[in-house]
Amino acid sequence: MEERGREKNIVETVKAQLPDDDVIYDLAEVFKVFGDSTRTKILGCLRVSDLYVGEIAEILNMSVSAVSHQLRILRGAKLVKGEKQGKEVKYSLDDDHVTQIMECGLTHINERE
């Protein structure tokens, strides 16, 4: 009988601490964006330095239009931001949380080796 009471308590405790469905959905969407290796490479570049589209294209050996397309998706997910400098836009990671996500992921991957 005691075990049954514990089960009910733990179920209620976990339910109470789960984020709302809308938040879970948004979180899943962010992780989908990370699920593309090209976008993850772009985030890796911006983790090192703020860059212009042309610089990212050159580093990754991609076309400027392909990089621009991926940057639009990353901007939409609020993972990168752009700052207009003259006629060009310089991109950077949106905030330190993006850096932390990247670093946690890399740490996790490197632990398995």
N, C-alpha and C. Protein backbone atom coordinates (compact mmCIF):
# COMPACT_ATOMS: atom_id res chain seq x y z
N MET A 1 0.82 -1.19 0.00
CA MET A 1 0.00 0.00 0.00
C MET A 1 0.87 1.26 0.00
N GLU A 2 1.95 1.23 0.76
CA GLU A 2 2.85 2.37 0.84
C GLU A 2 3.45 2.69 -0.53
N GLU A 3 3.82 1.66 -1.28
CA GLU A 3 4.41 1.83 -2.62
C GLU A 3 3.42 2.53 -3.56
N ARG A 4 2.14 2.19 -3.46
CA ARG A 4 1.09 2.78 -4.29
C ARG A 4 0.99 4.28 -4.03
N GLY A 5 1.08 4.68 -2.78
CA GLY A 5 1.03 6.09 -2.41
C GLY A 5 2.23 6.85 -2.97
N ARG A 6 3.41 6.22 -2.92
CA ARG A 6 4.62 6.83 -3.48
C ARG A 6 4.47 7.02 -4.98
N GLU A 7 3.95 6.02 -5.66
CA GLU A 7 3.75 6.11 -7.11
C GLU A 7 2.85 7.28 -7.45
N LYS A 8 1.77 7.44 -6.71
CA LYS A 8 0.85 8.53 -6.98
C LYS A 8 1.52 9.88 -6.72
N ASN A 9 2.31 9.96 -5.63
CA ASN A 9 3.03 11.20 -5.32
C ASN A 9 4.04 11.55 -6.40
N ILE A 10 4.80 10.56 -6.84
CA ILE A 10 5.84 10.84 -7.84
C ILE A 10 5.22 11.24 -9.17
N VAL A 11 4.10 10.59 -9.53
CA VAL A 11 3.41 10.93 -10.77
C VAL A 11 2.91 12.38 -10.71
N GLU A 12 2.30 12.76 -9.62
CA GLU A 12 1.79 14.13 -9.46
C GLU A 12 2.94 15.13 -9.44
N THR A 13 4.03 14.79 -8.77
CA THR A 13 5.19 15.67 -8.69
C THR A 13 5.76 15.93 -10.08
N VAL A 14 5.93 14.86 -10.86
CA VAL A 14 6.48 15.00 -12.21
C VAL A 14 5.52 15.79 -13.09
N LYS A 15 4.25 15.47 -13.06
CA LYS A 15 3.25 16.20 -13.87
C LYS A 15 3.30 17.69 -13.57
N ALA A 16 3.40 18.03 -12.30
CA ALA A 16 3.39 19.44 -11.89
C ALA A 16 4.63 20.19 -12.41
N GLN A 17 5.72 19.47 -12.62
CA GLN A 17 6.96 20.13 -13.04
C GLN A 17 7.18 20.12 -14.54
N LEU A 18 6.33 19.43 -15.29
CA LEU A 18 6.47 19.43 -16.74
C LEU A 18 6.07 20.79 -17.31
N PRO A 19 6.82 21.28 -18.29
CA PRO A 19 6.41 22.53 -18.95
C PRO A 19 5.10 22.32 -19.71
N ASP A 20 4.42 23.41 -20.00
CA ASP A 20 3.19 23.35 -20.80
C ASP A 20 3.49 22.77 -22.18
N ASP A 21 2.46 22.23 -22.81
CA ASP A 21 2.62 21.63 -24.13
C ASP A 21 3.19 22.61 -25.15
N ASP A 22 2.77 23.87 -25.09
CA ASP A 22 3.29 24.87 -26.03
C ASP A 22 4.80 25.05 -25.86
N VAL A 23 5.26 25.04 -24.63
CA VAL A 23 6.70 25.20 -24.36
C VAL A 23 7.45 23.97 -24.86
N ILE A 24 6.91 22.79 -24.62
CA ILE A 24 7.53 21.54 -25.09
C ILE A 24 7.63 21.56 -26.62
N TYR A 25 6.56 22.01 -27.28
CA TYR A 25 6.55 22.09 -28.73
C TYR A 25 7.66 23.03 -29.22
N ASP A 26 7.75 24.22 -28.61
CA ASP A 26 8.78 25.19 -29.00
C ASP A 26 10.18 24.64 -28.78
N LEU A 27 10.37 23.92 -27.69
CA LEU A 27 11.67 23.31 -27.41
C LEU A 27 12.02 22.28 -28.47
N ALA A 28 11.05 21.45 -28.83
CA ALA A 28 11.27 20.45 -29.87
C ALA A 28 11.64 21.11 -31.19
N GLU A 29 10.99 22.23 -31.50
CA GLU A 29 11.29 22.97 -32.73
C GLU A 29 12.73 23.48 -32.73
N VAL A 30 13.20 23.98 -31.59
CA VAL A 30 14.59 24.45 -31.50
C VAL A 30 15.54 23.30 -31.76
N PHE A 31 15.27 22.15 -31.18
CA PHE A 31 16.15 21.01 -31.39
C PHE A 31 16.09 20.49 -32.82
N LYS A 32 14.97 20.65 -33.50
CA LYS A 32 14.89 20.29 -34.92
C LYS A 32 15.87 21.13 -35.72
N VAL A 33 15.96 22.41 -35.38
CA VAL A 33 16.88 23.30 -36.10
C VAL A 33 18.32 22.80 -35.90
N PHE A 34 18.66 22.37 -34.71
CA PHE A 34 19.98 21.81 -34.44
C PHE A 34 20.19 20.48 -35.16
N GLY A 35 19.10 19.85 -35.59
CA GLY A 35 19.18 18.53 -36.20
C GLY A 35 19.74 18.53 -37.61
N ASP A 36 20.00 19.68 -38.18
CA ASP A 36 20.56 19.78 -39.52
C ASP A 36 22.05 20.08 -39.41
N SER A 37 22.89 19.24 -40.01
CA SER A 37 24.34 19.39 -39.84
C SER A 37 24.86 20.69 -40.45
N THR A 38 24.26 21.18 -41.52
CA THR A 38 24.71 22.44 -42.11
C THR A 38 24.45 23.59 -41.14
N ARG A 39 23.28 23.62 -40.55
CA ARG A 39 22.97 24.69 -39.59
C ARG A 39 23.88 24.58 -38.37
N THR A 40 24.15 23.36 -37.95
CA THR A 40 25.04 23.17 -36.80
C THR A 40 26.46 23.64 -37.12
N LYS A 41 26.90 23.43 -38.37
CA LYS A 41 28.22 23.94 -38.78
C LYS A 41 28.24 25.47 -38.73
N ILE A 42 27.17 26.08 -39.21
CA ILE A 42 27.08 27.55 -39.18
C ILE A 42 27.14 28.04 -37.74
N LEU A 43 26.39 27.40 -36.85
CA LEU A 43 26.44 27.77 -35.44
C LEU A 43 27.85 27.58 -34.88
N GLY A 44 28.52 26.53 -35.30
CA GLY A 44 29.90 26.29 -34.86
C GLY A 44 30.83 27.41 -35.31
N CYS A 45 30.65 27.88 -36.54
CA CYS A 45 31.46 29.00 -37.04
C CYS A 45 31.21 30.25 -36.20
N LEU A 46 29.93 30.53 -35.93
CA LEU A 46 29.58 31.74 -35.19
C LEU A 46 29.94 31.63 -33.71
N ARG A 47 30.16 30.43 -33.25
CA ARG A 47 30.63 30.22 -31.88
C ARG A 47 32.07 30.75 -31.74
N VAL A 48 32.80 30.68 -32.84
CA VAL A 48 34.20 31.13 -32.85
C VAL A 48 34.30 32.63 -33.09
N SER A 49 33.47 33.14 -34.03
CA SER A 49 33.58 34.55 -34.39
C SER A 49 32.31 35.03 -35.08
N ASP A 50 31.98 36.30 -34.91
CA ASP A 50 30.91 36.92 -35.69
C ASP A 50 31.39 36.98 -37.14
N LEU A 51 30.49 36.67 -38.08
CA LEU A 51 30.91 36.56 -39.48
C LEU A 51 29.86 37.11 -40.43
N TYR A 52 30.32 37.53 -41.61
CA TYR A 52 29.45 37.90 -42.71
C TYR A 52 29.05 36.63 -43.48
N VAL A 53 27.95 36.71 -44.22
CA VAL A 53 27.47 35.56 -44.98
C VAL A 53 28.56 35.01 -45.90
N GLY A 54 29.23 35.90 -46.61
CA GLY A 54 30.29 35.47 -47.53
C GLY A 54 31.41 34.72 -46.83
N GLU A 55 31.75 35.16 -45.63
CA GLU A 55 32.80 34.47 -44.87
C GLU A 55 32.36 33.07 -44.46
N ILE A 56 31.10 32.95 -44.02
CA ILE A 56 30.58 31.62 -43.65
C ILE A 56 30.57 30.72 -44.88
N ALA A 57 30.13 31.27 -46.01
CA ALA A 57 30.08 30.50 -47.26
C ALA A 57 31.47 29.99 -47.65
N GLU A 58 32.46 30.86 -47.51
CA GLU A 58 33.83 30.47 -47.84
C GLU A 58 34.35 29.39 -46.89
N ILE A 59 34.13 29.57 -45.60
CA ILE A 59 34.60 28.61 -44.61
C ILE A 59 33.99 27.23 -44.86
N LEU A 60 32.69 27.20 -45.17
CA LEU A 60 31.98 25.93 -45.34
C LEU A 60 31.93 25.44 -46.78
N ASN A 61 32.56 26.20 -47.68
CA ASN A 61 32.57 25.85 -49.10
C ASN A 61 31.15 25.68 -49.63
N MET A 62 30.33 26.68 -49.35
CA MET A 62 28.93 26.69 -49.77
C MET A 62 28.64 27.97 -50.53
N SER A 63 27.51 28.00 -51.22
CA SER A 63 27.12 29.23 -51.91
C SER A 63 26.55 30.22 -50.89
N VAL A 64 26.65 31.49 -51.22
CA VAL A 64 26.11 32.54 -50.36
C VAL A 64 24.60 32.35 -50.20
N SER A 65 23.91 31.99 -51.27
CA SER A 65 22.45 31.82 -51.18
C SER A 65 22.08 30.65 -50.27
N ALA A 66 22.86 29.57 -50.30
CA ALA A 66 22.58 28.43 -49.43
C ALA A 66 22.79 28.81 -47.96
N VAL A 67 23.84 29.55 -47.69
CA VAL A 67 24.11 30.00 -46.32
C VAL A 67 23.02 30.97 -45.87
N SER A 68 22.63 31.88 -46.75
CA SER A 68 21.57 32.84 -46.42
C SER A 68 20.28 32.13 -46.06
N HIS A 69 19.95 31.10 -46.81
CA HIS A 69 18.74 30.33 -46.53
C HIS A 69 18.78 29.72 -45.13
N GLN A 70 19.92 29.11 -44.79
CA GLN A 70 20.07 28.49 -43.47
C GLN A 70 20.06 29.55 -42.36
N LEU A 71 20.64 30.70 -42.62
CA LEU A 71 20.65 31.79 -41.63
C LEU A 71 19.23 32.30 -41.37
N ARG A 72 18.39 32.32 -42.40
CA ARG A 72 16.99 32.72 -42.20
C ARG A 72 16.30 31.78 -41.21
N ILE A 73 16.55 30.50 -41.37
CA ILE A 73 15.96 29.50 -40.46
C ILE A 73 16.51 29.69 -39.05
N LEU A 74 17.80 29.90 -38.94
CA LEU A 74 18.42 30.10 -37.62
C LEU A 74 17.93 31.39 -36.96
N ARG A 75 17.73 32.43 -37.75
CA ARG A 75 17.17 33.68 -37.22
C ARG A 75 15.74 33.47 -36.74
N GLY A 76 14.97 32.73 -37.52
CA GLY A 76 13.59 32.45 -37.16
C GLY A 76 13.47 31.69 -35.85
N ALA A 77 14.47 30.85 -35.57
CA ALA A 77 14.50 30.09 -34.31
C ALA A 77 15.17 30.88 -33.19
N LYS A 78 15.56 32.13 -33.49
CA LYS A 78 16.23 33.01 -32.52
C LYS A 78 17.53 32.42 -31.98
N LEU A 79 18.25 31.74 -32.88
CA LEU A 79 19.55 31.18 -32.51
C LEU A 79 20.69 32.09 -32.97
N VAL A 80 20.44 32.87 -34.03
CA VAL A 80 21.43 33.84 -34.49
C VAL A 80 20.74 35.18 -34.68
N LYS A 81 21.56 36.22 -34.70
CA LYS A 81 21.06 37.57 -34.98
C LYS A 81 22.02 38.22 -35.95
N GLY A 82 21.49 39.17 -36.70
CA GLY A 82 22.31 39.88 -37.66
C GLY A 82 22.32 41.36 -37.35
N GLU A 83 23.48 41.97 -37.59
CA GLU A 83 23.62 43.42 -37.40
C GLU A 83 24.13 44.02 -38.70
N LYS A 84 23.34 44.92 -39.24
CA LYS A 84 23.70 45.55 -40.51
C LYS A 84 24.94 46.42 -40.31
N GLN A 85 25.93 46.19 -41.15
CA GLN A 85 27.15 46.99 -41.14
C GLN A 85 27.43 47.42 -42.57
N GLY A 86 27.03 48.64 -42.87
CA GLY A 86 27.11 49.10 -44.26
C GLY A 86 26.08 48.38 -45.09
N LYS A 87 26.55 47.77 -46.18
CA LYS A 87 25.63 47.03 -47.06
C LYS A 87 25.52 45.57 -46.66
N GLU A 88 26.31 45.13 -45.72
CA GLU A 88 26.32 43.72 -45.33
C GLU A 88 25.77 43.53 -43.92
N VAL A 89 25.46 42.28 -43.63
CA VAL A 89 24.98 41.92 -42.29
C VAL A 89 26.00 40.98 -41.67
N LYS A 90 26.39 41.31 -40.45
CA LYS A 90 27.32 40.46 -39.70
C LYS A 90 26.49 39.64 -38.72
N TYR A 91 26.70 38.34 -38.74
CA TYR A 91 25.91 37.43 -37.91
C TYR A 91 26.68 36.99 -36.68
N SER A 92 25.91 36.75 -35.61
CA SER A 92 26.48 36.24 -34.36
C SER A 92 25.43 35.34 -33.71
N LEU A 93 25.88 34.56 -32.74
CA LEU A 93 24.93 33.77 -31.97
C LEU A 93 24.02 34.73 -31.21
N ASP A 94 22.77 34.36 -31.05
CA ASP A 94 21.80 35.28 -30.45
C ASP A 94 22.14 35.62 -29.01
N ASP A 95 22.58 34.65 -28.21
CA ASP A 95 22.96 34.91 -26.83
C ASP A 95 23.82 33.77 -26.29
N ASP A 96 24.20 33.89 -25.04
CA ASP A 96 25.08 32.88 -24.44
C ASP A 96 24.42 31.51 -24.32
N HIS A 97 23.08 31.48 -24.32
CA HIS A 97 22.40 30.19 -24.21
C HIS A 97 22.71 29.31 -25.42
N VAL A 98 22.82 29.92 -26.59
CA VAL A 98 23.13 29.15 -27.80
C VAL A 98 24.53 28.55 -27.67
N THR A 99 25.45 29.34 -27.17
CA THR A 99 26.81 28.84 -26.93
C THR A 99 26.78 27.69 -25.94
N GLN A 100 26.01 27.82 -24.88
CA GLN A 100 25.92 26.77 -23.86
C GLN A 100 25.33 25.49 -24.44
N ILE A 101 24.31 25.61 -25.29
CA ILE A 101 23.73 24.42 -25.92
C ILE A 101 24.78 23.72 -26.77
N MET A 102 25.51 24.50 -27.54
CA MET A 102 26.57 23.92 -28.39
C MET A 102 27.63 23.23 -27.53
N GLU A 103 28.07 23.90 -26.48
CA GLU A 103 29.12 23.35 -25.63
C GLU A 103 28.65 22.09 -24.90
N CYS A 104 27.40 22.09 -24.42
CA CYS A 104 26.86 20.90 -23.75
C CYS A 104 26.78 19.73 -24.72
N GLY A 105 26.33 20.00 -25.94
CA GLY A 105 26.24 18.95 -26.95
C GLY A 105 27.61 18.38 -27.28
N LEU A 106 28.59 19.25 -27.46
CA LEU A 106 29.95 18.79 -27.77
C LEU A 106 30.54 18.00 -26.61
N THR A 107 30.32 18.46 -25.40
CA THR A 107 30.80 17.73 -24.22
C THR A 107 30.19 16.34 -24.18
N HIS A 108 28.89 16.26 -24.43
CA HIS A 108 28.19 14.98 -24.41
C HIS A 108 28.76 14.03 -25.47
N ILE A 109 28.96 14.54 -26.68
CA ILE A 109 29.50 13.72 -27.78
C ILE A 109 30.92 13.24 -27.43
N ASN A 110 31.75 14.14 -26.92
CA ASN A 110 33.14 13.77 -26.61
C ASN A 110 33.26 12.81 -25.44
N GLU A 111 32.27 12.76 -24.55
CA GLU A 111 32.28 11.80 -23.43
C GLU A 111 32.17 10.37 -23.94
N ARG A 112 31.49 10.17 -25.06
CA ARG A 112 31.23 8.83 -25.56
C ARG A 112 32.43 8.21 -26.23
N GLU A 113 33.43 9.01 -26.54
CA GLU A 113 34.60 8.47 -27.26
C GLU A 113 35.57 7.80 -26.35
